[in-house]
Amino acid sequence: MEDAVDSCSGLLTKRFDEFATAGNGLDLGLQYHAFDVVGELTFDEKVGFLEQGIDETV
């Protein structure tokens, strides 16, 4: 299970790095992180909130 959490945490860190570089507004994404972790653990795939930067699936 640790790999699933690490995968989502790596993506969250990537989002933080993008913010630091661009200086755009920042939604901390902690809820996005939580949903992606639960999706990864439950369904073996992320919900996609961190990837898309929004809290809805398209």
PDB file of N, CA and C in Angstrom:
ATOM      1  N   MET A   1       0.810  -1.191   0.000  1.00  0.00           N
ATOM      2  CA  MET A   1       0.000   0.000   0.000  1.00  0.00           C
ATOM      3  C   MET A   1       0.861   1.267   0.000  1.00  0.00           C
ATOM      4  N   GLU A   2       2.053   1.147   0.526  1.00  0.00           N
ATOM      5  CA  GLU A   2       2.933   2.310   0.610  1.00  0.00           C
ATOM      6  C   GLU A   2       3.258   2.870  -0.773  1.00  0.00           C
ATOM      7  N   ASP A   3       3.391   2.007  -1.770  1.00  0.00           N
ATOM      8  CA  ASP A   3       3.680   2.466  -3.128  1.00  0.00           C
ATOM      9  C   ASP A   3       2.566   3.362  -3.673  1.00  0.00           C
ATOM     10  N   ALA A   4       1.321   3.026  -3.356  1.00  0.00           N
ATOM     11  CA  ALA A   4       0.190   3.833  -3.818  1.00  0.00           C
ATOM     12  C   ALA A   4       0.230   5.223  -3.197  1.00  0.00           C
ATOM     13  N   VAL A   5       0.519   5.291  -1.910  1.00  0.00           N
ATOM     14  CA  VAL A   5       0.600   6.580  -1.224  1.00  0.00           C
ATOM     15  C   VAL A   5       1.789   7.377  -1.744  1.00  0.00           C
ATOM     16  N   ASP A   6       2.917   6.710  -1.929  1.00  0.00           N
ATOM     17  CA  ASP A   6       4.113   7.386  -2.451  1.00  0.00           C
ATOM     18  C   ASP A   6       3.873   7.951  -3.842  1.00  0.00           C
ATOM     19  N   SER A   7       3.162   7.219  -4.672  1.00  0.00           N
ATOM     20  CA  SER A   7       2.867   7.684  -6.023  1.00  0.00           C
ATOM     21  C   SER A   7       2.059   8.984  -5.977  1.00  0.00           C
ATOM     22  N   CYS A   8       1.052   9.032  -5.139  1.00  0.00           N
ATOM     23  CA  CYS A   8       0.211  10.234  -5.018  1.00  0.00           C
ATOM     24  C   CYS A   8       0.993  11.373  -4.362  1.00  0.00           C
ATOM     25  N   SER A   9       1.813  11.063  -3.395  1.00  0.00           N
ATOM     26  CA  SER A   9       2.606  12.098  -2.729  1.00  0.00           C
ATOM     27  C   SER A   9       3.631  12.700  -3.693  1.00  0.00           C
ATOM     28  N   GLY A  10       4.183  11.870  -4.562  1.00  0.00           N
ATOM     29  CA  GLY A  10       5.106  12.376  -5.573  1.00  0.00           C
ATOM     30  C   GLY A  10       4.423  13.338  -6.524  1.00  0.00           C
ATOM     31  N   LEU A  11       3.190  13.031  -6.888  1.00  0.00           N
ATOM     32  CA  LEU A  11       2.433  13.917  -7.774  1.00  0.00           C
ATOM     33  C   LEU A  11       2.086  15.225  -7.063  1.00  0.00           C
ATOM     34  N   LEU A  12       1.756  15.165  -5.781  1.00  0.00           N
ATOM     35  CA  LEU A  12       1.483  16.381  -5.011  1.00  0.00           C
ATOM     36  C   LEU A  12       2.737  17.248  -4.926  1.00  0.00           C
ATOM     37  N   THR A  13       3.877  16.645  -4.700  1.00  0.00           N
ATOM     38  CA  THR A  13       5.138  17.376  -4.653  1.00  0.00           C
ATOM     39  C   THR A  13       5.435  18.030  -5.996  1.00  0.00           C
ATOM     40  N   LYS A  14       5.126  17.323  -7.074  1.00  0.00           N
ATOM     41  CA  LYS A  14       5.306  17.884  -8.421  1.00  0.00           C
ATOM     42  C   LYS A  14       4.444  19.130  -8.589  1.00  0.00           C
ATOM     43  N   ARG A  15       3.208  19.095  -8.106  1.00  0.00           N
ATOM     44  CA  ARG A  15       2.315  20.255  -8.183  1.00  0.00           C
ATOM     45  C   ARG A  15       2.882  21.423  -7.376  1.00  0.00           C
ATOM     46  N   PHE A  16       3.441  21.144  -6.204  1.00  0.00           N
ATOM     47  CA  PHE A  16       4.071  22.196  -5.397  1.00  0.00           C
ATOM     48  C   PHE A  16       5.242  22.816  -6.146  1.00  0.00           C
ATOM     49  N   ASP A  17       6.051  21.981  -6.796  1.00  0.00           N
ATOM     50  CA  ASP A  17       7.194  22.483  -7.574  1.00  0.00           C
ATOM     51  C   ASP A  17       6.729  23.365  -8.736  1.00  0.00           C
ATOM     52  N   GLU A  18       5.650  22.948  -9.398  1.00  0.00           N
ATOM     53  CA  GLU A  18       5.115  23.754 -10.500  1.00  0.00           C
ATOM     54  C   GLU A  18       4.668  25.129  -9.998  1.00  0.00           C
ATOM     55  N   PHE A  19       4.046  25.158  -8.835  1.00  0.00           N
ATOM     56  CA  PHE A  19       3.617  26.428  -8.251  1.00  0.00           C
ATOM     57  C   PHE A  19       4.823  27.309  -7.948  1.00  0.00           C
ATOM     58  N   ALA A  20       5.827  26.720  -7.344  1.00  0.00           N
ATOM     59  CA  ALA A  20       7.013  27.489  -6.966  1.00  0.00           C
ATOM     60  C   ALA A  20       7.703  28.084  -8.188  1.00  0.00           C
ATOM     61  N   THR A  21       7.701  27.349  -9.278  1.00  0.00           N
ATOM     62  CA  THR A  21       8.335  27.821 -10.502  1.00  0.00           C
ATOM     63  C   THR A  21       7.506  28.906 -11.195  1.00  0.00           C
ATOM     64  N   ALA A  22       6.194  28.684 -11.301  1.00  0.00           N
ATOM     65  CA  ALA A  22       5.329  29.599 -12.043  1.00  0.00           C
ATOM     66  C   ALA A  22       4.833  30.771 -11.198  1.00  0.00           C
ATOM     67  N   GLY A  23       4.721  30.574  -9.890  1.00  0.00           N
ATOM     68  CA  GLY A  23       4.213  31.624  -9.017  1.00  0.00           C
ATOM     69  C   GLY A  23       2.721  31.863  -9.159  1.00  0.00           C
ATOM     70  N   ASN A  24       1.990  30.888  -9.685  1.00  0.00           N
ATOM     71  CA  ASN A  24       0.533  30.997  -9.823  1.00  0.00           C
ATOM     72  C   ASN A  24      -0.141  30.740  -8.484  1.00  0.00           C
ATOM     73  N   GLY A  25      -1.456  30.932  -8.452  1.00  0.00           N
ATOM     74  CA  GLY A  25      -2.223  30.621  -7.244  1.00  0.00           C
ATOM     75  C   GLY A  25      -2.086  29.152  -6.893  1.00  0.00           C
ATOM     76  N   LEU A  26      -2.279  28.863  -5.636  1.00  0.00           N
ATOM     77  CA  LEU A  26      -2.051  27.497  -5.170  1.00  0.00           C
ATOM     78  C   LEU A  26      -3.227  27.001  -4.363  1.00  0.00           C
ATOM     79  N   ASP A  27      -3.827  25.913  -4.811  1.00  0.00           N
ATOM     80  CA  ASP A  27      -4.771  25.158  -3.998  1.00  0.00           C
ATOM     81  C   ASP A  27      -3.920  24.028  -3.439  1.00  0.00           C
ATOM     82  N   LEU A  28      -3.819  23.940  -2.137  1.00  0.00           N
ATOM     83  CA  LEU A  28      -2.887  22.976  -1.551  1.00  0.00           C
ATOM     84  C   LEU A  28      -3.103  21.554  -2.050  1.00  0.00           C
ATOM     85  N   GLY A  29      -4.294  21.230  -2.484  1.00  0.00           N
ATOM     86  CA  GLY A  29      -4.506  19.916  -3.084  1.00  0.00           C
ATOM     87  C   GLY A  29      -4.539  18.781  -2.091  1.00  0.00           C
ATOM     88  N   LEU A  30      -4.663  19.077  -0.816  1.00  0.00           N
ATOM     89  CA  LEU A  30      -4.639  17.998   0.170  1.00  0.00           C
ATOM     90  C   LEU A  30      -5.873  17.116   0.058  1.00  0.00           C
ATOM     91  N   GLN A  31      -7.021  17.712  -0.259  1.00  0.00           N
ATOM     92  CA  GLN A  31      -8.214  16.899  -0.482  1.00  0.00           C
ATOM     93  C   GLN A  31      -8.037  16.089  -1.766  1.00  0.00           C
ATOM     94  N   TYR A  32      -7.456  16.703  -2.800  1.00  0.00           N
ATOM     95  CA  TYR A  32      -7.173  15.984  -4.035  1.00  0.00           C
ATOM     96  C   TYR A  32      -6.262  14.787  -3.747  1.00  0.00           C
ATOM     97  N   HIS A  33      -5.260  15.034  -2.938  1.00  0.00           N
ATOM     98  CA  HIS A  33      -4.311  13.979  -2.564  1.00  0.00           C
ATOM     99  C   HIS A  33      -5.047  12.844  -1.862  1.00  0.00           C
ATOM    100  N   ALA A  34      -5.914  13.194  -0.907  1.00  0.00           N
ATOM    101  CA  ALA A  34      -6.645  12.178  -0.144  1.00  0.00           C
ATOM    102  C   ALA A  34      -7.515  11.319  -1.063  1.00  0.00           C
ATOM    103  N   PHE A  35      -8.252  11.948  -1.981  1.00  0.00           N
ATOM    104  CA  PHE A  35      -9.107  11.187  -2.888  1.00  0.00           C
ATOM    105  C   PHE A  35      -8.286  10.308  -3.825  1.00  0.00           C
ATOM    106  N   ASP A  36      -7.173  10.830  -4.320  1.00  0.00           N
ATOM    107  CA  ASP A  36      -6.334  10.024  -5.206  1.00  0.00           C
ATOM    108  C   ASP A  36      -5.727   8.837  -4.470  1.00  0.00           C
ATOM    109  N   VAL A  37      -5.331   9.033  -3.221  1.00  0.00           N
ATOM    110  CA  VAL A  37      -4.791   7.919  -2.429  1.00  0.00           C
ATOM    111  C   VAL A  37      -5.870   6.863  -2.211  1.00  0.00           C
ATOM    112  N   VAL A  38      -7.060   7.283  -1.824  1.00  0.00           N
ATOM    113  CA  VAL A  38      -8.149   6.321  -1.592  1.00  0.00           C
ATOM    114  C   VAL A  38      -8.481   5.578  -2.886  1.00  0.00           C
ATOM    115  N   GLY A  39      -8.527   6.301  -4.002  1.00  0.00           N
ATOM    116  CA  GLY A  39      -8.778   5.641  -5.285  1.00  0.00           C
ATOM    117  C   GLY A  39      -7.697   4.643  -5.634  1.00  0.00           C
ATOM    118  N   GLU A  40      -6.457   5.025  -5.401  1.00  0.00           N
ATOM    119  CA  GLU A  40      -5.323   4.133  -5.691  1.00  0.00           C
ATOM    120  C   GLU A  40      -5.378   2.875  -4.818  1.00  0.00           C
ATOM    121  N   LEU A  41      -5.705   3.055  -3.552  1.00  0.00           N
ATOM    122  CA  LEU A  41      -5.768   1.909  -2.638  1.00  0.00           C
ATOM    123  C   LEU A  41      -6.974   1.019  -2.920  1.00  0.00           C
ATOM    124  N   THR A  42      -8.097   1.629  -3.254  1.00  0.00           N
ATOM    125  CA  THR A  42      -9.333   0.874  -3.424  1.00  0.00           C
ATOM    126  C   THR A  42      -9.484   0.279  -4.817  1.00  0.00           C
ATOM    127  N   PHE A  43      -9.206   1.080  -5.845  1.00  0.00           N
ATOM    128  CA  PHE A  43      -9.468   0.662  -7.216  1.00  0.00           C
ATOM    129  C   PHE A  43      -8.203   0.461  -8.045  1.00  0.00           C
ATOM    130  N   ASP A  44      -7.047   0.645  -7.415  1.00  0.00           N
ATOM    131  CA  ASP A  44      -5.756   0.489  -8.080  1.00  0.00           C
ATOM    132  C   ASP A  44      -5.548   1.525  -9.182  1.00  0.00           C
ATOM    133  N   GLU A  45      -6.217   2.674  -9.071  1.00  0.00           N
ATOM    134  CA  GLU A  45      -5.971   3.800  -9.972  1.00  0.00           C
ATOM    135  C   GLU A  45      -6.415   5.092  -9.285  1.00  0.00           C
ATOM    136  N   LYS A  46      -5.705   6.154  -9.602  1.00  0.00           N
ATOM    137  CA  LYS A  46      -6.018   7.447  -9.010  1.00  0.00           C
ATOM    138  C   LYS A  46      -7.332   7.972  -9.572  1.00  0.00           C
ATOM    139  N   VAL A  47      -8.030   8.790  -8.783  1.00  0.00           N
ATOM    140  CA  VAL A  47      -9.250   9.433  -9.255  1.00  0.00           C
ATOM    141  C   VAL A  47      -8.906  10.461 -10.326  1.00  0.00           C
ATOM    142  N   GLY A  48      -7.742  11.098 -10.190  1.00  0.00           N
ATOM    143  CA  GLY A  48      -7.268  12.036 -11.198  1.00  0.00           C
ATOM    144  C   GLY A  48      -7.330  13.491 -10.776  1.00  0.00           C
ATOM    145  N   PHE A  49      -7.698  13.749  -9.527  1.00  0.00           N
ATOM    146  CA  PHE A  49      -7.819  15.128  -9.076  1.00  0.00           C
ATOM    147  C   PHE A  49      -6.475  15.848  -9.098  1.00  0.00           C
ATOM    148  N   LEU A  50      -5.419  15.213  -8.635  1.00  0.00           N
ATOM    149  CA  LEU A  50      -4.102  15.857  -8.652  1.00  0.00           C
ATOM    150  C   LEU A  50      -3.614  16.064 -10.079  1.00  0.00           C
ATOM    151  N   GLU A  51      -3.840  15.100 -10.906  1.00  0.00           N
ATOM    152  CA  GLU A  51      -3.392  15.185 -12.301  1.00  0.00           C
ATOM    153  C   GLU A  51      -4.099  16.326 -13.030  1.00  0.00           C
ATOM    154  N   GLN A  52      -5.407  16.457 -12.812  1.00  0.00           N
ATOM    155  CA  GLN A  52      -6.196  17.459 -13.511  1.00  0.00           C
ATOM    156  C   GLN A  52      -6.185  18.818 -12.809  1.00  0.00           C
ATOM    157  N   GLY A  53      -5.919  18.796 -11.507  1.00  0.00           N
ATOM    158  CA  GLY A  53      -5.927  20.046 -10.741  1.00  0.00           C
ATOM    159  C   GLY A  53      -7.324  20.545 -10.420  1.00  0.00           C
ATOM    160  N   ILE A  54      -8.320  19.675 -10.579  1.00  0.00           N
ATOM    161  CA  ILE A  54      -9.700  20.014 -10.241  1.00  0.00           C
ATOM    162  C   ILE A  54     -10.330  18.830  -9.516  1.00  0.00           C
ATOM    163  N   ASP A  55     -11.430  19.071  -8.824  1.00  0.00           N
ATOM    164  CA  ASP A  55     -12.042  18.001  -8.051  1.00  0.00           C
ATOM    165  C   ASP A  55     -13.296  17.431  -8.703  1.00  0.00           C
ATOM    166  N   GLU A  56     -13.184  17.185  -9.990  1.00  0.00           N
ATOM    167  CA  GLU A  56     -14.239  16.490 -10.711  1.00  0.00           C
ATOM    168  C   GLU A  56     -13.595  15.713 -11.846  1.00  0.00           C
ATOM    169  N   THR A  57     -14.170  14.596 -12.164  1.00  0.00           N
ATOM    170  CA  THR A  57     -13.636  13.809 -13.278  1.00  0.00           C
ATOM    171  C   THR A  57     -14.264  14.301 -14.567  1.00  0.00           C
ATOM    172  N   VAL A  58     -13.467  14.353 -15.594  1.00  0.00           N
ATOM    173  CA  VAL A  58     -13.932  14.881 -16.888  1.00  0.00           C
ATOM    174  C   VAL A  58     -14.084  13.745 -17.852  1.00  0.00           C
TER     175      VAL A  58
END
